Structures are given as C-alpha cells and as structure tokens.
C-alpha cells in the first residue's frame, strides 16, 4: 500500500498558495485492507474512505471508462494493480495530475510542473472531452489563477468547443452547474469564468440569456463601455473589489437580461428592460435550481435597480413602496444587498468605477427612518386591523416626506 497527496493540494503548494483541502490516493490496496486499518467507507460510485483521525478523504487508485452521458456517465475500475500513473491519467488538467509521496518525492508524469511554470491550463489526455463538467472546471480555474497570468491551452480550448457543440452539456444536473457557477463567481476574476465559457460556446448552451447580452449596445452617455456584456463583466469586477457575497454577484450577473430582448430597431435604448427581464431571471433561477436567497435577490434587483439609481428623485410614497417591497422590517439584509448590487451596477461602467454613489447612503437612511416609526402611539389610540395599517403607512410616509425634504434642502 502506497499513499500519495494528489491534485489541487500539490498544485497550490507548488504555486505558493494556501492549501485548504488535501486529497489522497491509495495505490495497491483493497477496500478490505482500508477498513482493516480503520478507514470508514463513504460514497457509492467508487471506493473513497475517511481517515479514522483526520477525516480526510482517501480514494483507491482507479481508472474510468465512458459508459453514458454527462458527468456521471462513467464506469470506474479499482484494483491493487492500478498504478499511480493510470490514476493520474484520468484527471482533467496536467496541473492537477501530480502526486507527492510522504518523503516529498514529486510524481509528474504528464508535465504539470512545466505547465505551471508556463501558466498554462492543459488537458491530460483526449479523454478530457468525455466529461462535460470539465468545461466548467477549467473556466473556474482560469478565473482563479488569472491573476498569475494563466491561460487555457489552445488545444484544450479546441476540445472544450468540441464538447460544447456535442450536446453533452445538457446532461449535467442543475445542481452541478449551479455549484460551479457559485464557486466561480466567488473567485477573484469571475468575469474570466464567463469569458472562457463564452469563448468555447458553453455560455450559449448553459446560460443563453447572458450570452445574448454581448454585442448589445447601450447609450454611450450612460454606458461609455457601450456593450452590455462588457458592462456585466465590469460589474462583476466591482463585486470583487467590494467583496460582495454570492447573492449580490448572482444578481449582478442577471440584472440586465431584459436588454438582450430589446428590438435592435430600438438600440441603444432599452425602455422597459427591467420588466422584460423578469421572466428570463425567473427562468434561469428555476432551470439551475438556484437557492432562494440568490434567486429572490436577482429577481428584485432586476426589477428595481433603476429605482435605486433614481432614488434621490423618488416621491416619498414611491420610496415607501420600494422599501416595503423588500420587507425591510423583517429582512433588512436583503435591502442592504439590493443597494450593494445597484451600486456595483453603477460603478461597473467605464469611467464610473470611482465615482460616489450617494443613493446608497440615502436609501440606507430612508430605511432607518421607516424602521424608527413607532407603532405604540397608534395602538394607544385604540387603532387596530385595517385602520392601524393605514395609520402606520401614513406615519411612515410622513416620516419619509420629512426626510426627503431635509435631504433636498441640505443639497
């Protein structure tokens, strides 16, 4: 029995990055031998065991053969005779196909070190094209390591295009697609993830609603970058700059989907794009089974982001309606996330990156004003039911009216 550290732990160690998770491969062992040493078996697809003390995953060396469609369409073979080189051959990229023994000896049969030095993401073997999930993984790695200058090898991109055109992507489960998108959006260069997917044709297959934004012009006076797709990429960059959470980044990715449905005869204007985009946002969220917090925020940002941009112009009644739509009394964080997404949208324009966004503080203060309205005096008047609700609304609107007037006078 031989045990090797493999995959990402070896790669990141060589790159000088912090190693978070360690995967191990065991060569020359049987499941019975693993259990005899106290390892606990997990998973049904192939033999993976948890270390009795560290709980890290140890997988028996295995080979695989394509037997169906999608990520799960493989038959795995494990036996003590499977070599380390055979196990590494089935991996996606050369930089992920290295192993290290306990004594520090590095095993690199497929040139991973060379590709690390040259900043190249290259497939290990033609079998790469058998697994559609690898397109998303490579795009995610490109996003993660873009700051180091990594690029996808030309021949690997060719395989990714071939795989995208094959129809295999349709066999990926919504859960796996969302998982890759969620992880990629939290990388330091999520826009690279989208760019790589678009370059190989996978974005059109998986998220055609976003793919349709590229090449769609916007009014130059408001969007000097002009192209809507370029704008979306810039907004994602601002999300990274301001360390926004996943739900904000997802909302930013989808917020302008309606612009992809504008009649070209109306370009570069996009009147009503907010409303037109709602059905598309709902469709995407349903198709990818997006978690509720991300799905709900994306829908609300899509509908109301232009309200945020015009916040200083809104009448008190309209402003109150906006605040209550977000349920600010019970879900204050959702409104805060909406404001953040709207600010990222504003900053994600060429030349606007460092401009102030006074609407953010204005909306935060408006929410605070509404929350500060005390219902107790109304209850003491004996109001209840519909009368109480109406009186409370009037009190909140009056408080907002005073706030708006004060804000306008100070400006």
Protein backbone atom coordinates (compact mmCIF):
# COMPACT_ATOMS: atom_id res chain seq x y z
CA UNK A 1 0.00 0.00 0.00
CA UNK A 2 1.32 3.43 -1.03
CA UNK A 3 -0.32 6.74 -0.21
CA UNK A 4 0.15 9.94 -2.21
CA UNK A 5 -1.04 13.51 -1.87
CA UNK A 6 -2.66 14.42 -5.19
CA UNK A 7 -4.42 17.11 -7.20
CA UNK A 8 -5.08 20.62 -6.00
CA UNK A 9 -3.05 20.33 -2.82
CA UNK A 10 0.10 19.58 -4.82
CA UNK A 11 -0.70 22.26 -7.41
CA UNK A 12 -1.31 25.03 -4.87
CA UNK A 13 1.70 24.03 -2.82
CA UNK A 14 3.92 24.46 -5.89
CA UNK A 15 2.26 27.81 -6.64
CA UNK A 16 2.87 29.01 -3.09
CA UNK A 17 -0.84 29.29 -2.36
CA UNK A 18 -2.52 28.27 0.87
CA UNK A 19 -3.55 24.62 0.74
CA UNK A 20 -7.09 24.25 2.10
CA UNK A 21 -8.16 20.70 1.30
CA UNK A 22 -5.94 17.68 0.80
CA UNK A 23 -6.90 14.68 -1.32
CA UNK A 24 -5.08 11.38 -1.08
CA UNK A 25 -4.88 8.42 -3.42
CA UNK A 26 -4.02 4.92 -2.24
CA UNK A 27 -2.19 2.57 -4.61
CA UNK A 28 -2.00 -1.19 -4.09
CA UNK A 29 -4.80 -1.60 -1.54
CA UNK A 30 -8.20 -3.26 -1.38
CA UNK A 31 -11.33 -1.95 0.34
CA UNK A 32 -10.93 -4.71 2.91
CA UNK A 33 -7.42 -3.58 3.77
CA UNK A 34 -8.62 0.02 4.16
CA UNK A 35 -11.40 -0.98 6.54
CA UNK A 36 -8.99 -3.16 8.50
CA UNK A 37 -6.89 -0.07 9.19
CA UNK A 38 -9.87 1.87 10.49
CA UNK A 39 -10.80 3.83 7.38
CA UNK A 40 -14.54 4.47 7.03
CA UNK A 41 -16.04 3.93 3.56
CA UNK A 42 -18.18 6.69 2.01
CA UNK A 43 -19.85 7.08 -1.37
CA UNK A 44 -21.36 4.53 -3.69
CA UNK A 45 -19.72 5.34 -7.02
CA UNK A 46 -16.17 4.28 -6.16
CA UNK A 47 -14.22 3.39 -3.04
CA UNK A 48 -13.49 6.51 -1.01
CA UNK A 49 -12.58 6.30 2.66
CA UNK A 50 -12.32 8.75 5.54
CA UNK A 51 -9.18 8.68 7.64
CA UNK A 52 -10.01 7.47 11.17
CA UNK A 53 -8.38 10.52 12.77
CA UNK A 54 -8.16 13.41 10.28
CA UNK A 55 -11.38 12.54 8.38
CA UNK A 56 -9.59 13.48 5.13
CA UNK A 57 -10.63 11.58 2.00
CA UNK A 58 -8.54 8.70 0.74
CA UNK A 59 -9.55 7.24 -2.64
CA UNK A 60 -8.33 3.97 -4.08
CA UNK A 61 -6.42 4.39 -7.34
CA UNK A 62 -8.83 3.88 -10.21
CA UNK A 63 -9.35 4.06 -13.94
CA UNK A 64 -12.54 5.12 -15.68
CA UNK A 65 -14.35 4.41 -18.93
CA UNK A 66 -17.11 6.42 -20.60
CA UNK A 67 -20.37 4.50 -20.33
CA UNK A 68 -23.12 7.12 -20.63
CA UNK A 69 -23.87 10.83 -20.84
CA UNK A 70 -22.80 13.66 -18.58
CA UNK A 71 -20.64 13.94 -15.50
CA UNK A 72 -21.91 10.66 -14.03
CA UNK A 73 -21.66 8.61 -17.22
CA UNK A 74 -18.55 6.67 -16.26
CA UNK A 75 -17.68 3.19 -15.12
CA UNK A 76 -14.87 3.07 -12.56
CA UNK A 77 -12.41 0.27 -12.01
CA UNK A 78 -10.34 -0.10 -8.87
CA UNK A 79 -7.86 -2.81 -8.00
CA UNK A 80 -4.48 -3.10 -6.30
CA UNK A 81 -2.95 -3.37 -9.78
CA UNK A 82 -3.99 0.16 -10.87
CA UNK A 83 -0.83 2.30 -10.94
CA UNK A 84 -0.38 5.89 -9.84
CA UNK A 85 0.24 6.92 -13.44
CA UNK A 86 -3.03 5.31 -14.55
CA UNK A 87 -4.93 7.10 -11.81
CA UNK A 88 -3.38 10.48 -12.71
CA UNK A 89 -4.11 9.94 -16.42
CA UNK A 90 -7.88 10.16 -15.83
CA UNK A 91 -7.63 13.64 -14.28
CA UNK A 92 -8.61 16.81 -16.13
CA UNK A 93 -5.56 19.09 -16.26
CA UNK A 94 -1.84 18.43 -16.11
CA UNK A 95 -1.51 20.85 -13.19
CA UNK A 96 -3.99 18.64 -11.31
CA UNK A 97 -2.29 15.38 -12.33
CA UNK A 98 0.68 15.48 -9.98
CA UNK A 99 1.27 13.48 -6.82
CA UNK A 100 3.61 13.71 -3.86
CA UNK A 101 4.85 10.91 -1.60
CA UNK A 102 5.36 11.21 2.14
CA UNK A 103 9.09 11.77 1.63
CA UNK A 104 8.40 14.76 -0.63
CA UNK A 105 9.11 12.97 -3.90
CA UNK A 106 7.06 14.55 -6.69
CA UNK A 107 5.47 12.41 -9.40
CA UNK A 108 4.67 14.39 -12.54
CA UNK A 109 4.20 12.02 -15.49
CA UNK A 110 2.25 14.45 -17.67
CA UNK A 111 4.19 17.73 -17.42
CA UNK A 112 2.23 19.55 -14.77
CA UNK A 113 5.25 21.44 -13.44
CA UNK A 114 6.14 22.73 -16.89
CA UNK A 115 2.59 23.94 -17.43
CA UNK A 116 2.60 25.62 -14.01
CA UNK A 117 5.78 27.45 -14.95
CA UNK A 118 4.34 28.46 -18.32
CA UNK A 119 0.98 29.42 -16.77
CA UNK A 120 -0.98 27.03 -18.98
CA UNK A 121 -4.15 25.04 -18.23
CA UNK A 122 -3.80 21.97 -20.46
CA UNK A 123 -5.77 18.71 -20.60
CA UNK A 124 -4.03 15.48 -19.63
CA UNK A 125 -5.49 13.25 -22.34
CA UNK A 126 -8.16 13.24 -25.09
CA UNK A 127 -10.47 11.62 -22.51
CA UNK A 128 -10.94 15.21 -21.25
CA UNK A 129 -13.67 15.59 -23.89
CA UNK A 130 -15.72 12.79 -22.34
CA UNK A 131 -16.75 14.79 -19.25
CA UNK A 132 -18.75 18.00 -19.85
CA UNK A 133 -18.26 19.18 -16.27
CA UNK A 134 -14.60 19.75 -17.10
CA UNK A 135 -15.52 22.76 -19.21
CA UNK A 136 -16.87 24.49 -16.10
CA UNK A 137 -13.92 23.38 -14.00
CA UNK A 138 -11.35 24.70 -16.47
CA UNK A 139 -13.22 28.02 -16.74
CA UNK A 140 -13.27 28.22 -12.95
CA UNK A 141 -9.54 27.50 -12.70
CA UNK A 142 -8.93 30.17 -15.33
CA UNK A 143 -10.85 32.62 -13.12
CA UNK A 144 -8.95 31.56 -10.00
CA UNK A 145 -5.47 31.81 -11.49
CA UNK A 146 -5.99 34.71 -13.90
CA UNK A 147 -4.05 36.99 -11.55
CA UNK A 148 -1.00 34.77 -12.12
CA UNK A 149 -1.35 35.00 -15.88
CA UNK A 150 -2.77 31.53 -16.55
CA UNK A 151 -4.49 30.85 -19.87
CA UNK A 152 -6.30 27.87 -21.37
CA UNK A 153 -4.12 25.96 -23.86
CA UNK A 154 -5.22 26.32 -27.46
CA UNK A 155 -5.68 22.59 -27.92
CA UNK A 156 -7.66 22.36 -24.68
CA UNK A 157 -9.95 25.19 -25.79
CA UNK A 158 -10.49 23.28 -29.04
CA UNK A 159 -11.62 20.24 -27.06
CA UNK A 160 -13.91 22.45 -24.95
CA UNK A 161 -15.53 23.82 -28.11
CA UNK A 162 -15.98 20.29 -29.40
CA UNK A 163 -17.53 19.21 -26.12
CA UNK A 164 -19.84 22.26 -26.01
CA UNK A 165 -21.09 21.50 -29.52
CA UNK A 166 -21.65 17.81 -28.77
CA UNK A 167 -24.77 18.34 -26.67
CA UNK A 168 -23.18 16.69 -23.62
CA UNK A 169 -23.67 19.80 -21.50
CA UNK A 170 -27.42 19.18 -21.44
CA UNK A 171 -26.81 16.07 -19.36
CA UNK A 172 -25.22 17.97 -16.49
CA UNK A 173 -27.52 18.27 -13.49
CA UNK A 174 -28.72 21.70 -12.43
CA UNK A 175 -27.08 21.19 -9.04
CA UNK A 176 -23.61 20.61 -10.54
CA UNK A 177 -23.92 23.58 -12.92
CA UNK A 178 -25.02 25.87 -10.09
CA UNK A 179 -22.24 24.60 -7.84
CA UNK A 180 -19.61 25.52 -10.44
CA UNK A 181 -21.17 28.92 -11.12
CA UNK A 182 -21.42 29.68 -7.41
CA UNK A 183 -17.77 28.78 -6.80
CA UNK A 184 -16.55 30.64 -9.89
CA UNK A 185 -18.44 33.82 -9.06
CA UNK A 186 -16.58 33.95 -5.74
CA UNK A 187 -13.15 33.77 -7.39
CA UNK A 188 -11.03 36.90 -7.81
CA UNK A 189 -11.76 37.13 -11.54
CA UNK A 190 -15.29 35.80 -12.09
CA UNK A 191 -15.50 37.67 -15.39
CA UNK A 192 -12.80 35.35 -16.74
CA UNK A 193 -15.06 32.38 -15.99
CA UNK A 194 -17.82 33.91 -18.11
CA UNK A 195 -15.37 34.85 -20.86
CA UNK A 196 -13.92 31.33 -21.13
CA UNK A 197 -17.40 29.79 -21.21
CA UNK A 198 -18.39 32.21 -23.93
CA UNK A 199 -15.26 31.58 -25.99
CA UNK A 200 -15.87 27.83 -26.08
CA UNK A 201 -19.63 28.04 -26.70
CA UNK A 202 -20.64 26.73 -23.27
CA UNK A 203 -22.21 30.00 -22.11
CA UNK A 204 -24.66 29.91 -25.03
CA UNK A 205 -25.57 26.34 -24.10
CA UNK A 206 -25.87 26.83 -20.34
CA UNK A 207 -26.83 30.49 -19.88
CA UNK A 208 -28.01 31.79 -23.28
CA UNK A 209 -29.74 34.70 -21.57
CA UNK A 210 -26.36 36.13 -20.51
CA UNK A 211 -24.63 35.17 -23.75
CA UNK A 212 -27.23 37.22 -25.63
CA UNK A 213 -26.06 40.42 -23.90
CA UNK A 214 -22.74 40.54 -25.70
CA UNK A 215 -22.86 42.79 -28.73
CA UNK A 216 -25.96 44.64 -27.50
CA UNK A 217 -25.22 48.41 -27.37
CA UNK A 218 -26.31 50.84 -24.66
CA UNK A 219 -26.44 54.68 -24.72
CA UNK A 220 -22.84 55.89 -24.67
CA UNK A 221 -23.55 58.85 -22.38
CA UNK A 222 -24.63 56.47 -19.60
CA UNK A 223 -22.50 53.48 -20.61
CA UNK A 224 -19.21 54.55 -22.19
CA UNK A 225 -18.29 50.86 -22.49
CA UNK A 226 -21.37 50.55 -24.78
CA UNK A 227 -21.53 46.72 -24.95
CA UNK A 228 -23.97 45.27 -22.39
CA UNK A 229 -21.94 42.08 -21.98
CA UNK A 230 -18.80 44.11 -21.27
CA UNK A 231 -20.81 46.08 -18.70
CA UNK A 232 -21.82 42.87 -16.90
CA UNK A 233 -18.19 41.78 -16.72
CA UNK A 234 -17.24 45.16 -15.27
CA UNK A 235 -19.99 44.91 -12.67
CA UNK A 236 -18.61 41.52 -11.58
CA UNK A 237 -15.17 43.09 -11.22
CA UNK A 238 -16.66 45.71 -8.92
CA UNK A 239 -18.29 42.92 -6.89
CA UNK A 240 -14.83 41.51 -6.27
CA UNK A 241 -13.39 44.93 -5.47
CA UNK A 242 -16.04 45.47 -2.79
CA UNK A 243 -16.03 41.84 -1.57
CA UNK A 244 -19.71 41.26 -2.29
CA UNK A 245 -21.35 37.95 -1.25
CA UNK A 246 -22.62 35.36 -3.71
CA UNK A 247 -26.24 36.52 -3.81
CA UNK A 248 -25.15 40.03 -4.83
CA UNK A 249 -22.81 38.68 -7.52
CA UNK A 250 -25.51 36.42 -8.93
CA UNK A 251 -28.00 39.31 -9.01
CA UNK A 252 -25.42 41.46 -10.80
CA UNK A 253 -24.86 38.76 -13.42
CA UNK A 254 -28.58 38.63 -14.25
CA UNK A 255 -29.78 42.17 -13.64
CA UNK A 256 -29.80 43.34 -17.29
CA UNK A 257 -31.14 40.21 -19.01
CA UNK A 258 -34.03 42.21 -20.43
CA UNK A 259 -31.62 44.17 -22.62
CA UNK A 260 -30.96 41.00 -24.59
CA UNK A 261 -34.60 41.04 -25.74
CA UNK A 262 -34.71 44.65 -26.95
CA UNK A 263 -35.71 45.05 -30.57
CA UNK A 264 -32.49 46.07 -32.41
CA UNK A 265 -34.50 48.84 -34.06
CA UNK A 266 -34.72 50.45 -30.58
CA UNK A 267 -30.98 50.24 -29.83
CA UNK A 268 -29.17 51.65 -27.96
CA UNK A 269 -32.18 52.48 -25.75
CA UNK A 270 -33.74 49.73 -23.60
CA UNK A 271 -37.03 51.10 -22.36
CA UNK A 272 -38.77 48.63 -20.05
CA UNK A 273 -35.83 46.22 -19.92
CA UNK A 274 -36.37 45.75 -16.19
CA UNK A 275 -39.85 44.29 -16.66
CA UNK A 276 -38.87 42.30 -19.74
CA UNK A 277 -36.01 40.71 -17.86
CA UNK A 278 -38.10 39.31 -15.02
CA UNK A 279 -39.37 36.26 -16.91
CA UNK A 280 -35.82 35.48 -18.01
CA UNK A 281 -34.43 35.79 -14.48
CA UNK A 282 -37.17 33.53 -13.17
CA UNK A 283 -36.46 31.02 -15.94
CA UNK A 284 -32.73 30.92 -15.20
CA UNK A 285 -33.27 30.56 -11.45
CA UNK A 286 -35.70 27.70 -11.99
CA UNK A 287 -33.52 25.94 -14.58
CA UNK A 288 -30.42 25.96 -12.37
CA UNK A 289 -32.34 25.38 -9.12
CA UNK A 290 -30.75 28.48 -7.64
CA UNK A 291 -31.05 28.79 -3.82
CA UNK A 292 -33.85 31.07 -2.67
CA UNK A 293 -31.70 33.88 -1.29
CA UNK A 294 -29.84 34.25 -4.60
CA UNK A 295 -32.94 33.76 -6.74
CA UNK A 296 -35.08 36.28 -4.85
CA UNK A 297 -32.41 38.97 -4.79
CA UNK A 298 -31.72 38.54 -8.52
CA UNK A 299 -35.42 38.97 -9.30
CA UNK A 300 -35.77 42.07 -7.12
CA UNK A 301 -32.56 43.67 -8.41
CA UNK A 302 -33.67 43.00 -11.98
CA UNK A 303 -36.96 44.79 -11.36
CA UNK A 304 -35.85 47.67 -9.16
CA UNK A 305 -32.19 48.54 -9.83
CA UNK A 306 -33.15 51.62 -11.83
CA UNK A 307 -35.30 52.71 -8.87
CA UNK A 308 -32.14 52.73 -6.79
CA UNK A 309 -30.31 54.83 -9.38
CA UNK A 310 -33.17 57.37 -9.29
CA UNK A 311 -33.61 57.17 -5.50
CA UNK A 312 -32.94 60.88 -4.95
CA UNK A 313 -35.81 61.72 -7.31
CA UNK A 314 -38.43 59.34 -5.89
CA UNK A 315 -41.52 60.74 -4.19
CA UNK A 316 -41.99 59.66 -0.53
CA UNK A 317 -44.90 57.37 -1.44
CA UNK A 318 -42.88 55.65 -4.16
CA UNK A 319 -39.88 55.37 -1.87
CA UNK A 320 -42.00 53.80 0.87
CA UNK A 321 -43.47 51.32 -1.60
CA UNK A 322 -39.95 50.31 -2.64
CA UNK A 323 -38.86 49.83 0.96
CA UNK A 324 -41.88 47.73 1.87
CA UNK A 325 -41.48 45.60 -1.26
CA UNK A 326 -38.17 44.46 0.23
CA UNK A 327 -39.80 43.78 3.62
CA UNK A 328 -37.25 45.97 5.37
CA UNK A 329 -38.80 45.44 8.79
CA UNK A 330 -38.16 41.70 8.80
CA UNK A 331 -35.44 41.32 6.15
CA UNK A 332 -33.14 44.35 6.41
CA UNK A 333 -30.17 42.49 4.94
CA UNK A 334 -31.97 41.80 1.67
CA UNK A 335 -32.47 45.53 1.14
CA UNK A 336 -28.82 46.16 2.01
CA UNK A 337 -27.80 43.57 -0.59
CA UNK A 338 -30.08 45.24 -3.14
CA UNK A 339 -28.39 48.57 -2.52
CA UNK A 340 -24.99 46.92 -2.88
CA UNK A 341 -25.93 45.29 -6.19
CA UNK A 342 -27.27 48.60 -7.51
CA UNK A 343 -24.05 50.37 -6.55
CA UNK A 344 -21.99 47.69 -8.30
CA UNK A 345 -24.15 48.22 -11.39
CA UNK A 346 -23.45 51.95 -11.28
CA UNK A 347 -19.72 51.52 -10.74
CA UNK A 348 -19.43 48.84 -13.42
CA UNK A 349 -19.25 51.42 -16.18
CA UNK A 350 -16.20 52.75 -17.96
CA UNK A 351 -15.01 55.83 -16.09
CA UNK A 352 -17.58 55.46 -13.29
CA UNK A 353 -15.63 52.97 -11.16
CA UNK A 354 -14.53 55.54 -8.56
CA UNK A 355 -17.50 57.87 -8.65
CA UNK A 356 -19.51 58.26 -5.48
CA UNK A 357 -22.92 56.59 -5.28
CA UNK A 358 -24.86 58.82 -2.87
CA UNK A 359 -28.01 56.78 -3.50
CA UNK A 360 -26.61 54.04 -1.25
CA UNK A 361 -26.46 56.13 1.93
CA UNK A 362 -29.72 57.86 1.02
CA UNK A 363 -31.56 54.53 0.77
CA UNK A 364 -29.98 53.16 3.94
CA UNK A 365 -31.09 56.25 5.85
CA UNK A 366 -34.58 56.08 4.34
CA UNK A 367 -34.91 52.52 5.58
CA UNK A 368 -33.74 53.57 9.03
CA UNK A 369 -36.32 56.38 9.09
CA UNK A 370 -39.15 53.96 8.32
CA UNK A 371 -37.97 51.44 10.88
CA UNK A 372 -37.87 54.17 13.52
CA UNK A 373 -41.59 54.94 13.22
CA UNK A 374 -43.13 53.78 16.48
CA UNK A 375 -46.42 51.90 16.29
CA UNK A 376 -47.05 52.26 20.04
CA UNK A 377 -48.83 55.68 19.91
CA UNK A 378 -51.19 54.30 17.27
CA UNK A 379 -52.02 51.31 19.43
CA UNK A 380 -52.66 53.62 22.38
CA UNK A 381 -55.24 55.40 20.24
CA UNK A 382 -57.08 52.09 20.02
CA UNK A 383 -56.42 51.59 16.33
CA UNK A 384 -56.41 48.05 15.05
CA UNK A 385 -56.76 45.99 11.88
CA UNK A 386 -57.02 47.90 8.60
CA UNK A 387 -57.22 51.25 10.39
CA UNK A 388 -53.97 50.55 12.21
CA UNK A 389 -52.27 49.50 8.98
CA UNK A 390 -53.43 52.61 7.18
CA UNK A 391 -52.34 54.90 10.01
CA UNK A 392 -48.95 53.23 10.21
CA UNK A 393 -48.45 53.66 6.48
CA UNK A 394 -49.35 57.35 6.75
CA UNK A 395 -46.94 57.81 9.66
CA UNK A 396 -44.13 56.16 7.73
CA UNK A 397 -44.86 58.18 4.62
CA UNK A 398 -44.84 61.40 6.64
CA UNK A 399 -41.52 60.44 8.20
CA UNK A 400 -40.12 59.80 4.74
CA UNK A 401 -41.56 63.10 3.49
CA UNK A 402 -39.71 64.97 6.24
CA UNK A 403 -36.53 63.01 5.49
CA UNK A 404 -36.73 63.69 1.75
CA UNK A 405 -37.34 67.41 2.28
CA UNK A 406 -34.45 67.67 4.70
CA UNK A 407 -32.14 65.81 2.31
CA UNK A 408 -33.07 68.08 -0.61
CA UNK A 409 -32.57 71.24 1.44
CA UNK A 410 -29.13 70.09 2.60
CA UNK A 411 -28.12 69.54 -1.03
